[in-house]
Amino acid sequence: MIPYYRGHLLAELRRFPGWVEPEGIGLTDETVVYVRQDLSVVLHPVQDDESVLWDADTPRWRTFCESELRFEVPAELRADAG
């Protein structure tokens, strides 16, 4: 399966009421971050395991990603595609 990532400005993700990010890394609202198919958020898609900013897959976060960010893995990349 090909991993899927979609870039967003950090300002968009900071609209989520429960958003918490690591302190001391100096990110701005204009920083591009990547939401990956498991709904975690990383700084760099190539180094994703080293740069995780968010990995709390809760129902509220899933709803926010779907309704506010319009995040959806393309059908041809979904695990259930066949």
PDB file of N, CA and C in Angstrom:
ATOM      1  N   MET A   1       0.833  -1.175   0.000  1.00  0.00           N
ATOM      2  CA  MET A   1       0.000   0.000   0.000  1.00  0.00           C
ATOM      3  C   MET A   1       0.887   1.252   0.000  1.00  0.00           C
ATOM      4  N   ILE A   2       0.546   2.207  -0.831  1.00  0.00           N
ATOM      5  CA  ILE A   2       1.279   3.465  -0.922  1.00  0.00           C
ATOM      6  C   ILE A   2       0.781   4.384   0.188  1.00  0.00           C
ATOM      7  N   PRO A   3       1.682   4.924   1.027  1.00  0.00           N
ATOM      8  CA  PRO A   3       1.223   5.828   2.082  1.00  0.00           C
ATOM      9  C   PRO A   3       0.707   7.131   1.485  1.00  0.00           C
ATOM     10  N   TYR A   4      -0.302   7.680   2.100  1.00  0.00           N
ATOM     11  CA  TYR A   4      -0.895   8.926   1.622  1.00  0.00           C
ATOM     12  C   TYR A   4      -0.703  10.022   2.663  1.00  0.00           C
ATOM     13  N   TYR A   5      -0.279  11.186   2.199  1.00  0.00           N
ATOM     14  CA  TYR A   5      -0.097  12.375   3.026  1.00  0.00           C
ATOM     15  C   TYR A   5      -0.732  13.549   2.310  1.00  0.00           C
ATOM     16  N   ARG A   6      -1.264  14.484   3.066  1.00  0.00           N
ATOM     17  CA  ARG A   6      -1.758  15.718   2.465  1.00  0.00           C
ATOM     18  C   ARG A   6      -1.293  16.887   3.310  1.00  0.00           C
ATOM     19  N   GLY A   7      -0.691  17.867   2.664  1.00  0.00           N
ATOM     20  CA  GLY A   7      -0.163  19.037   3.353  1.00  0.00           C
ATOM     21  C   GLY A   7      -1.247  20.024   3.738  1.00  0.00           C
ATOM     22  N   HIS A   8      -1.055  20.642   4.899  1.00  0.00           N
ATOM     23  CA  HIS A   8      -1.954  21.678   5.403  1.00  0.00           C
ATOM     24  C   HIS A   8      -1.119  22.728   6.108  1.00  0.00           C
ATOM     25  N   LEU A   9      -1.601  23.948   6.100  1.00  0.00           N
ATOM     26  CA  LEU A   9      -0.978  24.959   6.943  1.00  0.00           C
ATOM     27  C   LEU A   9      -1.302  24.617   8.390  1.00  0.00           C
ATOM     28  N   LEU A  10      -0.338  24.791   9.249  1.00  0.00           N
ATOM     29  CA  LEU A  10      -0.542  24.476  10.662  1.00  0.00           C
ATOM     30  C   LEU A  10      -1.703  25.280  11.246  1.00  0.00           C
ATOM     31  N   ALA A  11      -1.927  26.475  10.732  1.00  0.00           N
ATOM     32  CA  ALA A  11      -3.055  27.297  11.208  1.00  0.00           C
ATOM     33  C   ALA A  11      -4.378  26.543  11.088  1.00  0.00           C
ATOM     34  N   GLU A  12      -4.538  25.758  10.032  1.00  0.00           N
ATOM     35  CA  GLU A  12      -5.783  24.998   9.846  1.00  0.00           C
ATOM     36  C   GLU A  12      -5.966  23.967  10.954  1.00  0.00           C
ATOM     37  N   LEU A  13      -4.896  23.271  11.322  1.00  0.00           N
ATOM     38  CA  LEU A  13      -4.985  22.240  12.344  1.00  0.00           C
ATOM     39  C   LEU A  13      -5.122  22.835  13.736  1.00  0.00           C
ATOM     40  N   ARG A  14      -4.569  23.998  13.939  1.00  0.00           N
ATOM     41  CA  ARG A  14      -4.681  24.674  15.231  1.00  0.00           C
ATOM     42  C   ARG A  14      -6.104  25.108  15.540  1.00  0.00           C
ATOM     43  N   ARG A  15      -6.994  25.066  14.563  1.00  0.00           N
ATOM     44  CA  ARG A  15      -8.411  25.365  14.807  1.00  0.00           C
ATOM     45  C   ARG A  15      -9.096  24.240  15.579  1.00  0.00           C
ATOM     46  N   PHE A  16      -8.496  23.059  15.597  1.00  0.00           N
ATOM     47  CA  PHE A  16      -9.082  21.942  16.342  1.00  0.00           C
ATOM     48  C   PHE A  16      -9.002  22.267  17.828  1.00  0.00           C
ATOM     49  N   PRO A  17     -10.141  22.225  18.540  1.00  0.00           N
ATOM     50  CA  PRO A  17     -10.168  22.627  19.949  1.00  0.00           C
ATOM     51  C   PRO A  17      -9.196  21.862  20.850  1.00  0.00           C
ATOM     52  N   GLY A  18      -8.882  20.631  20.552  1.00  0.00           N
ATOM     53  CA  GLY A  18      -7.993  19.853  21.406  1.00  0.00           C
ATOM     54  C   GLY A  18      -6.558  19.814  20.937  1.00  0.00           C
ATOM     55  N   TRP A  19      -6.191  20.664  19.969  1.00  0.00           N
ATOM     56  CA  TRP A  19      -4.847  20.622  19.389  1.00  0.00           C
ATOM     57  C   TRP A  19      -3.789  20.959  20.431  1.00  0.00           C
ATOM     58  N   VAL A  20      -2.800  20.110  20.541  1.00  0.00           N
ATOM     59  CA  VAL A  20      -1.645  20.332  21.409  1.00  0.00           C
ATOM     60  C   VAL A  20      -0.432  19.887  20.604  1.00  0.00           C
ATOM     61  N   GLU A  21       0.586  20.722  20.570  1.00  0.00           N
ATOM     62  CA  GLU A  21       1.792  20.340  19.832  1.00  0.00           C
ATOM     63  C   GLU A  21       3.008  20.439  20.737  1.00  0.00           C
ATOM     64  N   PRO A  22       4.076  19.764  20.360  1.00  0.00           N
ATOM     65  CA  PRO A  22       5.284  19.812  21.184  1.00  0.00           C
ATOM     66  C   PRO A  22       5.786  21.248  21.345  1.00  0.00           C
ATOM     67  N   GLU A  23       6.267  21.554  22.525  1.00  0.00           N
ATOM     68  CA  GLU A  23       6.788  22.887  22.788  1.00  0.00           C
ATOM     69  C   GLU A  23       8.229  23.003  22.308  1.00  0.00           C
ATOM     70  N   GLY A  24       8.617  24.230  22.029  1.00  0.00           N
ATOM     71  CA  GLY A  24      10.012  24.512  21.742  1.00  0.00           C
ATOM     72  C   GLY A  24      10.480  24.193  20.330  1.00  0.00           C
ATOM     73  N   ILE A  25       9.564  23.950  19.394  1.00  0.00           N
ATOM     74  CA  ILE A  25      10.035  23.680  18.037  1.00  0.00           C
ATOM     75  C   ILE A  25       9.779  24.861  17.099  1.00  0.00           C
ATOM     76  N   GLY A  26       9.181  25.919  17.605  1.00  0.00           N
ATOM     77  CA  GLY A  26       9.073  27.177  16.880  1.00  0.00           C
ATOM     78  C   GLY A  26       8.296  27.139  15.582  1.00  0.00           C
ATOM     79  N   LEU A  27       7.149  26.504  15.586  1.00  0.00           N
ATOM     80  CA  LEU A  27       6.332  26.442  14.381  1.00  0.00           C
ATOM     81  C   LEU A  27       5.397  27.641  14.306  1.00  0.00           C
ATOM     82  N   THR A  28       5.152  28.107  13.091  1.00  0.00           N
ATOM     83  CA  THR A  28       4.238  29.221  12.886  1.00  0.00           C
ATOM     84  C   THR A  28       2.979  28.723  12.193  1.00  0.00           C
ATOM     85  N   ASP A  29       1.985  29.571  12.121  1.00  0.00           N
ATOM     86  CA  ASP A  29       0.749  29.217  11.428  1.00  0.00           C
ATOM     87  C   ASP A  29       1.001  28.897   9.959  1.00  0.00           C
ATOM     88  N   GLU A  30       2.072  29.436   9.382  1.00  0.00           N
ATOM     89  CA  GLU A  30       2.383  29.221   7.973  1.00  0.00           C
ATOM     90  C   GLU A  30       3.198  27.957   7.722  1.00  0.00           C
ATOM     91  N   THR A  31       3.569  27.246   8.771  1.00  0.00           N
ATOM     92  CA  THR A  31       4.315  25.998   8.607  1.00  0.00           C
ATOM     93  C   THR A  31       3.423  24.960   7.935  1.00  0.00           C
ATOM     94  N   VAL A  32       3.954  24.304   6.908  1.00  0.00           N
ATOM     95  CA  VAL A  32       3.212  23.226   6.249  1.00  0.00           C
ATOM     96  C   VAL A  32       3.506  21.932   7.001  1.00  0.00           C
ATOM     97  N   VAL A  33       2.441  21.256   7.413  1.00  0.00           N
ATOM     98  CA  VAL A  33       2.548  19.958   8.071  1.00  0.00           C
ATOM     99  C   VAL A  33       1.732  18.964   7.250  1.00  0.00           C
ATOM    100  N   TYR A  34       1.889  17.689   7.534  1.00  0.00           N
ATOM    101  CA  TYR A  34       1.264  16.665   6.705  1.00  0.00           C
ATOM    102  C   TYR A  34       0.393  15.740   7.544  1.00  0.00           C
ATOM    103  N   VAL A  35      -0.856  15.609   7.125  1.00  0.00           N
ATOM    104  CA  VAL A  35      -1.766  14.641   7.728  1.00  0.00           C
ATOM    105  C   VAL A  35      -1.600  13.364   6.919  1.00  0.00           C
ATOM    106  N   ARG A  36      -1.332  12.260   7.618  1.00  0.00           N
ATOM    107  CA  ARG A  36      -1.187  11.002   6.888  1.00  0.00           C
ATOM    108  C   ARG A  36      -2.439  10.155   7.061  1.00  0.00           C
ATOM    109  N   GLN A  37      -2.513   9.081   6.329  1.00  0.00           N
ATOM    110  CA  GLN A  37      -3.752   8.302   6.249  1.00  0.00           C
ATOM    111  C   GLN A  37      -4.248   7.780   7.579  1.00  0.00           C
ATOM    112  N   ASP A  38      -3.394   7.636   8.573  1.00  0.00           N
ATOM    113  CA  ASP A  38      -3.862   7.201   9.893  1.00  0.00           C
ATOM    114  C   ASP A  38      -4.278   8.389  10.769  1.00  0.00           C
ATOM    115  N   LEU A  39      -4.305   9.587  10.155  1.00  0.00           N
ATOM    116  CA  LEU A  39      -4.699  10.849  10.766  1.00  0.00           C
ATOM    117  C   LEU A  39      -3.693  11.394  11.769  1.00  0.00           C
ATOM    118  N   SER A  40      -2.501  10.843  11.797  1.00  0.00           N
ATOM    119  CA  SER A  40      -1.448  11.478  12.577  1.00  0.00           C
ATOM    120  C   SER A  40      -0.913  12.643  11.751  1.00  0.00           C
ATOM    121  N   VAL A  41      -0.193  13.542  12.405  1.00  0.00           N
ATOM    122  CA  VAL A  41       0.341  14.731  11.738  1.00  0.00           C
ATOM    123  C   VAL A  41       1.851  14.723  11.912  1.00  0.00           C
ATOM    124  N   VAL A  42       2.556  14.939  10.807  1.00  0.00           N
ATOM    125  CA  VAL A  42       4.014  14.928  10.817  1.00  0.00           C
ATOM    126  C   VAL A  42       4.554  16.191  10.160  1.00  0.00           C
ATOM    127  N   LEU A  43       5.784  16.533  10.517  1.00  0.00           N
ATOM    128  CA  LEU A  43       6.452  17.675   9.891  1.00  0.00           C
ATOM    129  C   LEU A  43       6.976  17.337   8.507  1.00  0.00           C
ATOM    130  N   HIS A  44       7.481  16.123   8.344  1.00  0.00           N
ATOM    131  CA  HIS A  44       8.110  15.715   7.092  1.00  0.00           C
ATOM    132  C   HIS A  44       7.607  14.328   6.708  1.00  0.00           C
ATOM    133  N   PRO A  45       7.000  14.184   5.538  1.00  0.00           N
ATOM    134  CA  PRO A  45       6.492  12.867   5.159  1.00  0.00           C
ATOM    135  C   PRO A  45       7.585  11.830   4.945  1.00  0.00           C
ATOM    136  N   VAL A  46       8.782  12.270   4.609  1.00  0.00           N
ATOM    137  CA  VAL A  46       9.875  11.321   4.378  1.00  0.00           C
ATOM    138  C   VAL A  46      10.434  10.811   5.701  1.00  0.00           C
ATOM    139  N   GLN A  47      10.443  11.660   6.707  1.00  0.00           N
ATOM    140  CA  GLN A  47      10.978  11.303   8.025  1.00  0.00           C
ATOM    141  C   GLN A  47       9.846  11.212   9.039  1.00  0.00           C
ATOM    142  N   ASP A  48       8.723  10.654   8.638  1.00  0.00           N
ATOM    143  CA  ASP A  48       7.510  10.744   9.453  1.00  0.00           C
ATOM    144  C   ASP A  48       7.626  10.169  10.851  1.00  0.00           C
ATOM    145  N   ASP A  49       8.379   9.097  11.046  1.00  0.00           N
ATOM    146  CA  ASP A  49       8.484   8.514  12.386  1.00  0.00           C
ATOM    147  C   ASP A  49       9.269   9.403  13.343  1.00  0.00           C
ATOM    148  N   GLU A  50      10.102  10.275  12.803  1.00  0.00           N
ATOM    149  CA  GLU A  50      10.919  11.158  13.629  1.00  0.00           C
ATOM    150  C   GLU A  50      10.255  12.505  13.897  1.00  0.00           C
ATOM    151  N   SER A  51       9.203  12.812  13.161  1.00  0.00           N
ATOM    152  CA  SER A  51       8.649  14.154  13.246  1.00  0.00           C
ATOM    153  C   SER A  51       7.151  14.182  13.528  1.00  0.00           C
ATOM    154  N   VAL A  52       6.677  13.267  14.343  1.00  0.00           N
ATOM    155  CA  VAL A  52       5.243  13.213  14.657  1.00  0.00           C
ATOM    156  C   VAL A  52       4.868  14.370  15.584  1.00  0.00           C
ATOM    157  N   LEU A  53       3.867  15.139  15.172  1.00  0.00           N
ATOM    158  CA  LEU A  53       3.343  16.238  15.994  1.00  0.00           C
ATOM    159  C   LEU A  53       2.070  15.841  16.721  1.00  0.00           C
ATOM    160  N   TRP A  54       1.321  14.926  16.121  1.00  0.00           N
ATOM    161  CA  TRP A  54       0.005  14.581  16.659  1.00  0.00           C
ATOM    162  C   TRP A  54      -0.309  13.149  16.277  1.00  0.00           C
ATOM    163  N   ASP A  55      -0.768  12.363  17.224  1.00  0.00           N
ATOM    164  CA  ASP A  55      -1.126  10.979  16.891  1.00  0.00           C
ATOM    165  C   ASP A  55      -2.316  10.475  17.706  1.00  0.00           C
ATOM    166  N   ALA A  56      -3.195  11.389  18.083  1.00  0.00           N
ATOM    167  CA  ALA A  56      -4.373  11.031  18.868  1.00  0.00           C
ATOM    168  C   ALA A  56      -5.577  10.865  17.945  1.00  0.00           C
ATOM    169  N   ASP A  57      -5.813   9.653  17.498  1.00  0.00           N
ATOM    170  CA  ASP A  57      -6.942   9.372  16.606  1.00  0.00           C
ATOM    171  C   ASP A  57      -8.198   9.163  17.445  1.00  0.00           C
ATOM    172  N   THR A  58      -8.878  10.270  17.720  1.00  0.00           N
ATOM    173  CA  THR A  58     -10.119  10.226  18.503  1.00  0.00           C
ATOM    174  C   THR A  58     -11.298  10.477  17.565  1.00  0.00           C
ATOM    175  N   PRO A  59     -12.503  10.152  17.990  1.00  0.00           N
ATOM    176  CA  PRO A  59     -13.667  10.456  17.144  1.00  0.00           C
ATOM    177  C   PRO A  59     -13.781  11.945  16.804  1.00  0.00           C
ATOM    178  N   ARG A  60     -13.482  12.827  17.748  1.00  0.00           N
ATOM    179  CA  ARG A  60     -13.544  14.278  17.479  1.00  0.00           C
ATOM    180  C   ARG A  60     -12.508  14.696  16.451  1.00  0.00           C
ATOM    181  N   TRP A  61     -11.296  14.144  16.552  1.00  0.00           N
ATOM    182  CA  TRP A  61     -10.239  14.469  15.591  1.00  0.00           C
ATOM    183  C   TRP A  61     -10.607  13.943  14.200  1.00  0.00           C
ATOM    184  N   ARG A  62     -11.126  12.724  14.141  1.00  0.00           N
ATOM    185  CA  ARG A  62     -11.531  12.128  12.865  1.00  0.00           C
ATOM    186  C   ARG A  62     -12.623  12.993  12.211  1.00  0.00           C
ATOM    187  N   THR A  63     -13.596  13.434  12.994  1.00  0.00           N
ATOM    188  CA  THR A  63     -14.661  14.294  12.477  1.00  0.00           C
ATOM    189  C   THR A  63     -14.100  15.615  11.978  1.00  0.00           C
ATOM    190  N   PHE A  64     -13.179  16.205  12.728  1.00  0.00           N
ATOM    191  CA  PHE A  64     -12.548  17.461  12.316  1.00  0.00           C
ATOM    192  C   PHE A  64     -11.818  17.283  10.987  1.00  0.00           C
ATOM    193  N   CYS A  65     -11.052  16.209  10.864  1.00  0.00           N
ATOM    194  CA  CYS A  65     -10.307  15.967   9.624  1.00  0.00           C
ATOM    195  C   CYS A  65     -11.246  15.788   8.438  1.00  0.00           C
ATOM    196  N   GLU A  66     -12.322  15.077   8.656  1.00  0.00           N
ATOM    197  CA  GLU A  66     -13.264  14.826   7.570  1.00  0.00           C
ATOM    198  C   GLU A  66     -14.094  16.059   7.218  1.00  0.00           C
ATOM    199  N   SER A  67     -14.594  16.763   8.220  1.00  0.00           N
ATOM    200  CA  SER A  67     -15.506  17.877   7.938  1.00  0.00           C
ATOM    201  C   SER A  67     -14.789  19.205   7.718  1.00  0.00           C
ATOM    202  N   GLU A  68     -13.790  19.506   8.522  1.00  0.00           N
ATOM    203  CA  GLU A  68     -13.105  20.793   8.412  1.00  0.00           C
ATOM    204  C   GLU A  68     -11.974  20.779   7.383  1.00  0.00           C
ATOM    205  N   LEU A  69     -11.161  19.728   7.410  1.00  0.00           N
ATOM    206  CA  LEU A  69     -10.024  19.652   6.487  1.00  0.00           C
ATOM    207  C   LEU A  69     -10.390  18.976   5.172  1.00  0.00           C
ATOM    208  N   ARG A  70     -11.538  18.311   5.153  1.00  0.00           N
ATOM    209  CA  ARG A  70     -11.973  17.542   3.970  1.00  0.00           C
ATOM    210  C   ARG A  70     -10.916  16.505   3.585  1.00  0.00           C
ATOM    211  N   PHE A  71     -10.331  15.894   4.611  1.00  0.00           N
ATOM    212  CA  PHE A  71      -9.293  14.891   4.393  1.00  0.00           C
ATOM    213  C   PHE A  71      -9.936  13.559   4.053  1.00  0.00           C
ATOM    214  N   GLU A  72      -9.477  12.975   2.964  1.00  0.00           N
ATOM    215  CA  GLU A  72      -9.949  11.657   2.556  1.00  0.00           C
ATOM    216  C   GLU A  72      -8.856  10.995   1.726  1.00  0.00           C
ATOM    217  N   VAL A  73      -8.547   9.767   2.050  1.00  0.00           N
ATOM    218  CA  VAL A  73      -7.572   9.008   1.270  1.00  0.00           C
ATOM    219  C   VAL A  73      -8.233   8.650  -0.061  1.00  0.00           C
ATOM    220  N   PRO A  74      -7.550   8.918  -1.186  1.00  0.00           N
ATOM    221  CA  PRO A  74      -8.127   8.562  -2.484  1.00  0.00           C
ATOM    222  C   PRO A  74      -8.476   7.068  -2.537  1.00  0.00           C
ATOM    223  N   ALA A  75      -9.568   6.758  -3.219  1.00  0.00           N
ATOM    224  CA  ALA A  75     -10.071   5.386  -3.278  1.00  0.00           C
ATOM    225  C   ALA A  75      -9.014   4.391  -3.729  1.00  0.00           C
ATOM    226  N   GLU A  76      -8.204   4.755  -4.711  1.00  0.00           N
ATOM    227  CA  GLU A  76      -7.214   3.814  -5.233  1.00  0.00           C
ATOM    228  C   GLU A  76      -6.076   3.529  -4.262  1.00  0.00           C
ATOM    229  N   LEU A  77      -5.953   4.320  -3.189  1.00  0.00           N
ATOM    230  CA  LEU A  77      -4.896   4.099  -2.211  1.00  0.00           C
ATOM    231  C   LEU A  77      -5.394   3.476  -0.913  1.00  0.00           C
ATOM    232  N   ARG A  78      -6.681   3.311  -0.772  1.00  0.00           N
ATOM    233  CA  ARG A  78      -7.241   2.724   0.461  1.00  0.00           C
ATOM    234  C   ARG A  78      -6.901   1.247   0.559  1.00  0.00           C
ATOM    235  N   ALA A  79      -6.719   0.787   1.774  1.00  0.00           N
ATOM    236  CA  ALA A  79      -6.397  -0.628   2.019  1.00  0.00           C
ATOM    237  C   ALA A  79      -7.511  -1.537   1.534  1.00  0.00           C
ATOM    238  N   ASP A  80      -8.753  -1.050   1.574  1.00  0.00           N
ATOM    239  CA  ASP A  80      -9.881  -1.879   1.169  1.00  0.00           C
ATOM    240  C   ASP A  80     -10.160  -1.808  -0.334  1.00  0.00           C
ATOM    241  N   ALA A  81      -9.346  -1.018  -1.070  1.00  0.00           N
ATOM    242  CA  ALA A  81      -9.545  -0.942  -2.529  1.00  0.00           C
ATOM    243  C   ALA A  81      -9.102  -2.245  -3.149  1.00  0.00           C
ATOM    244  N   GLY A  82      -9.827  -2.687  -4.084  1.00  0.00           N
ATOM    245  CA  GLY A  82      -9.409  -3.956  -4.648  1.00  0.00           C
ATOM    246  C   GLY A  82     -10.086  -4.188  -5.905  1.00  0.00           C
TER     247      GLY A  82
END
